[in-house]
Amino acid sequence: MNYQWYPGHMTKAKRQMQEDLKLIDLIIELVDARVPVSSRNPDIDAMGKNKARLILLNKADLADERYNQKWIEYFKEKGFYVVKVNSRSGAGLKGIQAVVQEACREKIERDRKRGIMNRPVRAMVVGIPNVGKSTFINSYAGKACTKTGNRPGVTKGKQWIRLNKNLELLDTPGILWPKFEDQQVGLRLAMIGSINDEILNIEELALEVIRYLIREYPGTLAERYQVTESEEPLRILEQIAENRKCLQKGNTLDYTKASGILLDEFRNGKLGRITLEYPEEQA
């Protein structure tokens, strides 16, 4: 299966982002803690070379805690400020303000020398679709100031949000890059739901999830679905369909429904905390 998704509005959004970079001091980039590299748009590094950078490892509650800390160290070594957060519950958000001030210390000091006091740091919030940007902004601001949705690509235009006297946020639409050179990146993004399921073969995707879990998190599927993990992935999907009563007319197994259940429960953490890529692979 070929994983690509680049709606037309994203080209326009990228051009707009390049314009908006002139207005900001800091780029706050949300990544999914389960796939911290695959959920980064490499264009942002190129565009934001001279800006202070803060990475938020979002959905950290869904990722394997053993690797969350390793990813924090990985990004710090590359010169980023990093905070681990769960935008939905608000965990980790309180620590962001102090890190923003630290990341923009030089800018704040320059302002002070020019006699400019208390000018808020202006930060652009960026991230690929469905990584949780709108949920983060709503949680951080404490009110529903952006539209959220679980469909990739809900945020369409830009909005400035004044959070307090020290910080203003610029929200931007989620941007994927036009072509995944590494199809593994596309696969991982499809697995976490950053690519619209409607354009994917979800049975194939479910089989990929099964293969990964058997290899990296043995016992997970057996515990959740009472399946035999020594079987072939297709047989395991069949067992999930049988055990969850996924039937079509004529009492035949509904593989699509079983795949949907597996993907939904995998993405929502019901199979446990799972990380899909590791810092040591990046070398």
Protein backbone atom coordinates (compact mmCIF):
# COMPACT_ATOMS: atom_id res chain seq x y z
CA MET A 1 0.00 0.00 0.00
CA ASN A 2 1.30 3.45 -0.95
CA TYR A 3 0.82 6.07 1.78
CA GLN A 4 0.40 9.58 0.42
CA TRP A 5 -1.94 12.43 1.31
CA TYR A 6 -1.46 16.06 0.40
CA PRO A 7 -4.70 18.05 -0.05
CA GLY A 8 -4.40 21.22 -2.11
CA HIS A 9 -4.98 23.59 0.81
CA MET A 10 -1.69 22.43 2.34
CA THR A 11 0.43 24.01 -0.41
CA LYS A 12 -1.26 27.34 0.28
CA ALA A 13 -0.85 26.86 4.05
CA LYS A 14 2.89 26.26 3.64
CA ARG A 15 3.28 29.51 1.68
CA GLN A 16 1.31 31.35 4.37
CA MET A 17 3.50 29.84 7.09
CA GLN A 18 6.64 31.14 5.37
CA GLU A 19 5.10 34.64 5.44
CA ASP A 20 4.04 34.36 9.07
CA LEU A 21 7.53 33.30 10.22
CA LYS A 22 8.58 36.95 9.92
CA LEU A 23 6.13 37.81 12.71
CA ILE A 24 7.16 35.28 15.34
CA ASP A 25 9.91 34.61 17.91
CA LEU A 26 9.37 30.92 18.61
CA ILE A 27 8.13 27.81 16.80
CA ILE A 28 6.19 25.41 19.04
CA GLU A 29 6.06 22.12 17.18
CA LEU A 30 3.74 19.37 18.32
CA VAL A 31 4.80 15.83 17.53
CA ASP A 32 3.08 12.57 18.42
CA ALA A 33 5.10 10.91 21.19
CA ARG A 34 4.45 7.49 19.60
CA VAL A 35 6.18 8.55 16.35
CA PRO A 36 8.23 11.66 17.22
CA VAL A 37 10.29 11.69 14.01
CA SER A 38 7.68 10.41 11.56
CA SER A 39 5.21 13.02 12.85
CA ARG A 40 7.60 15.91 12.13
CA ASN A 41 7.48 17.83 8.89
CA PRO A 42 11.11 18.25 7.75
CA ASP A 43 10.11 21.45 5.91
CA ILE A 44 9.66 23.15 9.29
CA ASP A 45 13.36 22.74 10.17
CA ALA A 46 14.32 24.37 6.89
CA MET A 47 11.80 27.20 7.26
CA GLY A 48 12.49 27.91 10.94
CA LYS A 49 16.30 27.82 10.96
CA ASN A 50 16.76 31.12 12.83
CA LYS A 51 13.90 30.79 15.31
CA ALA A 52 13.86 29.47 18.87
CA ARG A 53 12.38 25.94 18.85
CA LEU A 54 10.22 24.08 21.33
CA ILE A 55 9.03 20.53 20.70
CA LEU A 56 5.99 19.24 22.57
CA LEU A 57 5.85 15.45 22.79
CA ASN A 58 2.06 15.29 22.70
CA LYS A 59 -0.10 12.23 23.49
CA ALA A 60 2.74 11.11 25.78
CA ASP A 61 0.17 9.13 27.77
CA LEU A 62 -0.30 6.83 24.74
CA ALA A 63 3.42 6.25 24.20
CA ASP A 64 5.67 3.78 25.98
CA GLU A 65 7.11 5.73 28.95
CA ARG A 66 10.50 4.00 28.57
CA TYR A 67 10.92 5.77 25.24
CA ASN A 68 9.39 9.15 26.13
CA GLN A 69 12.46 10.01 28.20
CA LYS A 70 14.81 8.76 25.47
CA TRP A 71 13.08 10.99 22.92
CA ILE A 72 13.36 14.02 25.21
CA GLU A 73 17.11 13.43 25.45
CA TYR A 74 17.34 12.86 21.69
CA PHE A 75 15.74 16.24 20.81
CA LYS A 76 17.64 18.15 23.53
CA GLU A 77 20.90 16.89 22.06
CA LYS A 78 19.81 18.42 18.73
CA GLY A 79 19.30 21.83 20.37
CA PHE A 80 15.53 21.84 20.90
CA TYR A 81 13.69 22.66 24.08
CA VAL A 82 11.32 19.76 24.85
CA VAL A 83 8.24 19.28 27.05
CA LYS A 84 6.24 16.07 27.39
CA VAL A 85 2.48 16.78 27.39
CA ASN A 86 -0.97 15.27 27.20
CA SER A 87 -3.11 18.05 25.74
CA ARG A 88 -6.35 16.21 26.40
CA SER A 89 -5.83 15.90 30.17
CA GLY A 90 -3.65 19.01 30.51
CA ALA A 91 -0.70 17.06 31.92
CA GLY A 92 2.60 18.90 31.40
CA LEU A 93 1.04 22.18 30.20
CA LYS A 94 1.93 24.14 33.34
CA GLY A 95 5.63 23.73 32.64
CA ILE A 96 5.48 25.27 29.17
CA GLN A 97 5.52 28.98 30.09
CA ALA A 98 8.86 28.74 31.93
CA VAL A 99 10.40 26.83 29.00
CA VAL A 100 9.08 29.45 26.52
CA GLN A 101 10.75 32.22 28.56
CA GLU A 102 14.00 30.24 28.64
CA ALA A 103 13.89 29.49 24.90
CA CYS A 104 13.32 33.20 24.12
CA ARG A 105 15.66 34.60 26.75
CA GLU A 106 17.93 36.27 24.18
CA LYS A 107 14.96 37.96 22.48
CA ILE A 108 13.55 39.15 25.83
CA GLU A 109 17.01 40.50 26.80
CA ARG A 110 17.35 42.32 23.45
CA ASP A 111 13.94 43.94 23.99
CA ARG A 112 14.93 45.01 27.50
CA LYS A 113 18.10 46.67 26.24
CA ARG A 114 16.02 48.61 23.73
CA GLY A 115 13.66 49.72 26.47
CA ILE A 116 10.85 47.44 25.28
CA MET A 117 9.35 45.87 28.38
CA ASN A 118 6.77 43.08 28.58
CA ARG A 119 6.29 42.57 24.84
CA PRO A 120 4.73 39.11 24.61
CA VAL A 121 6.61 36.28 22.96
CA ARG A 122 4.88 35.46 19.70
CA ALA A 123 4.87 31.75 18.98
CA MET A 124 3.69 29.80 15.96
CA VAL A 125 2.10 26.43 16.74
CA VAL A 126 2.85 23.91 14.01
CA GLY A 127 2.34 20.21 13.46
CA ILE A 128 1.06 17.68 10.97
CA PRO A 129 -2.69 16.88 10.83
CA ASN A 130 -4.27 15.16 13.80
CA VAL A 131 -1.25 15.56 16.06
CA GLY A 132 -3.39 17.49 18.58
CA LYS A 133 -2.60 21.16 17.91
CA SER A 134 -6.12 22.48 18.40
CA THR A 135 -6.64 20.39 21.54
CA PHE A 136 -3.34 21.72 22.89
CA ILE A 137 -4.29 25.34 22.24
CA ASN A 138 -7.74 24.91 23.75
CA SER A 139 -6.32 23.22 26.87
CA TYR A 140 -3.48 25.71 27.23
CA ALA A 141 -5.71 28.72 26.77
CA GLY A 142 -8.37 27.23 29.02
CA LYS A 143 -11.17 27.92 26.57
CA ALA A 144 -12.35 26.59 23.23
CA CYS A 145 -10.65 29.13 20.99
CA THR A 146 -9.98 26.84 18.03
CA LYS A 147 -12.13 24.26 16.32
CA THR A 148 -11.04 20.71 17.13
CA GLY A 149 -11.86 17.47 15.40
CA ASN A 150 -10.53 13.96 15.08
CA ARG A 151 -10.46 14.24 11.31
CA PRO A 152 -7.02 15.15 9.95
CA GLY A 153 -6.98 18.67 8.56
CA VAL A 154 -9.82 20.38 10.47
CA THR A 155 -7.90 23.64 11.09
CA LYS A 156 -8.09 25.57 7.80
CA GLY A 157 -7.06 29.20 8.52
CA LYS A 158 -4.72 31.06 10.87
CA GLN A 159 -5.74 32.61 14.19
CA TRP A 160 -3.84 34.63 16.81
CA ILE A 161 -4.63 33.70 20.39
CA ARG A 162 -3.47 35.90 23.27
CA LEU A 163 -2.89 33.62 26.24
CA ASN A 164 -1.48 36.10 28.75
CA LYS A 165 0.70 39.19 28.83
CA ASN A 166 3.77 37.05 28.10
CA LEU A 167 2.62 34.85 25.23
CA GLU A 168 0.61 34.99 22.01
CA LEU A 169 0.05 31.91 19.85
CA LEU A 170 -0.46 31.72 16.12
CA ASP A 171 -2.34 28.58 15.14
CA THR A 172 -1.73 27.16 11.66
CA PRO A 173 -3.33 24.35 9.66
CA GLY A 174 -1.61 20.96 9.91
CA ILE A 175 0.82 20.43 7.07
CA LEU A 176 2.10 17.16 5.68
CA TRP A 177 4.96 17.18 3.22
CA PRO A 178 4.05 16.25 -0.38
CA LYS A 179 5.84 12.92 -0.65
CA PHE A 180 7.02 10.43 1.95
CA GLU A 181 10.38 9.24 0.68
CA ASP A 182 10.30 6.50 3.31
CA GLN A 183 7.07 4.52 3.12
CA GLN A 184 7.62 3.43 6.72
CA VAL A 185 6.91 7.05 7.70
CA GLY A 186 3.62 6.89 5.81
CA LEU A 187 2.79 3.56 7.43
CA ARG A 188 3.40 4.88 10.95
CA LEU A 189 1.30 7.98 10.30
CA ALA A 190 -1.50 5.81 8.93
CA MET A 191 -1.29 3.61 12.04
CA ILE A 192 -1.80 6.55 14.43
CA GLY A 193 -4.56 8.12 12.29
CA SER A 194 -2.75 11.12 10.75
CA ILE A 195 -3.72 10.00 7.25
CA ASN A 196 -7.40 9.87 6.43
CA ASP A 197 -8.65 6.27 6.78
CA GLU A 198 -11.01 6.79 3.85
CA ILE A 199 -8.12 6.68 1.39
CA LEU A 200 -6.47 3.62 2.98
CA ASN A 201 -7.05 -0.11 2.87
CA ILE A 202 -7.78 -0.53 6.56
CA GLU A 203 -7.60 -4.34 6.48
CA GLU A 204 -4.01 -4.12 5.21
CA LEU A 205 -3.28 -1.48 7.84
CA ALA A 206 -4.74 -3.67 10.60
CA LEU A 207 -2.49 -6.55 9.49
CA GLU A 208 0.54 -4.21 9.75
CA VAL A 209 -0.51 -3.28 13.30
CA ILE A 210 -0.85 -6.98 14.18
CA ARG A 211 2.63 -7.75 12.79
CA TYR A 212 4.16 -4.86 14.74
CA LEU A 213 2.51 -5.76 18.04
CA ILE A 214 3.51 -9.42 17.80
CA ARG A 215 7.11 -8.39 17.16
CA GLU A 216 7.51 -5.50 19.62
CA TYR A 217 4.74 -5.96 22.22
CA PRO A 218 4.11 -9.72 22.42
CA GLY A 219 1.13 -10.75 24.52
CA THR A 220 -0.80 -7.52 23.90
CA LEU A 221 -3.20 -8.96 21.31
CA ALA A 222 -3.68 -12.22 23.20
CA GLU A 223 -4.64 -10.35 26.35
CA ARG A 224 -7.03 -7.93 24.66
CA TYR A 225 -8.70 -10.21 22.09
CA GLN A 226 -8.01 -13.77 23.30
CA VAL A 227 -6.23 -14.65 20.05
CA THR A 228 -3.36 -17.06 19.39
CA GLU A 229 -0.35 -14.91 18.53
CA SER A 230 1.57 -17.77 16.91
CA GLU A 231 -0.97 -17.75 14.05
CA GLU A 232 -0.57 -15.79 10.79
CA PRO A 233 -1.70 -12.11 10.99
CA LEU A 234 -4.75 -12.79 8.78
CA ARG A 235 -5.85 -15.64 11.04
CA ILE A 236 -5.42 -13.35 14.07
CA LEU A 237 -7.63 -10.72 12.41
CA GLU A 238 -10.13 -13.51 11.76
CA GLN A 239 -10.05 -14.45 15.46
CA ILE A 240 -10.64 -10.82 16.44
CA ALA A 241 -13.66 -10.75 14.08
CA GLU A 242 -14.97 -14.00 15.60
CA ASN A 243 -14.43 -12.93 19.22
CA ARG A 244 -15.94 -9.48 18.69
CA LYS A 245 -18.91 -10.88 16.69
CA CYS A 246 -18.04 -8.91 13.54
CA LEU A 247 -20.45 -10.54 11.12
CA GLN A 248 -21.96 -9.60 7.76
CA LYS A 249 -25.17 -10.91 6.18
CA GLY A 250 -25.03 -14.66 5.88
CA ASN A 251 -22.92 -14.87 9.06
CA THR A 252 -19.64 -14.32 7.18
CA LEU A 253 -16.85 -12.54 9.03
CA ASP A 254 -16.64 -8.76 8.59
CA TYR A 255 -12.91 -8.08 8.30
CA THR A 256 -13.44 -4.34 7.75
CA LYS A 257 -15.35 -3.98 11.01
CA ALA A 258 -12.76 -6.04 12.93
CA SER A 259 -9.97 -3.92 11.42
CA GLY A 260 -11.78 -0.75 12.48
CA ILE A 261 -12.10 -2.02 16.06
CA LEU A 262 -8.41 -2.97 16.22
CA LEU A 263 -7.22 0.37 14.80
CA ASP A 264 -9.54 2.39 17.02
CA GLU A 265 -8.46 0.59 20.19
CA PHE A 266 -4.79 0.73 19.19
CA ARG A 267 -4.97 4.50 18.57
CA ASN A 268 -6.89 5.22 21.76
CA GLY A 269 -4.48 3.40 24.06
CA LYS A 270 -6.77 0.49 24.89
CA LEU A 271 -3.99 -1.93 23.92
CA GLY A 272 -1.59 -0.17 26.28
CA ARG A 273 1.14 2.42 25.80
CA ILE A 274 2.89 1.72 22.52
CA THR A 275 5.74 3.51 20.75
CA LEU A 276 6.27 2.89 17.03
CA GLU A 277 9.82 4.24 16.52
CA TYR A 278 12.93 4.56 18.63
CA PRO A 279 15.77 7.11 18.92
CA GLU A 280 18.44 4.49 18.31
CA GLU A 281 16.98 3.84 14.83
CA GLN A 282 17.68 7.45 13.79
CA ALA A 283 21.45 7.05 13.59
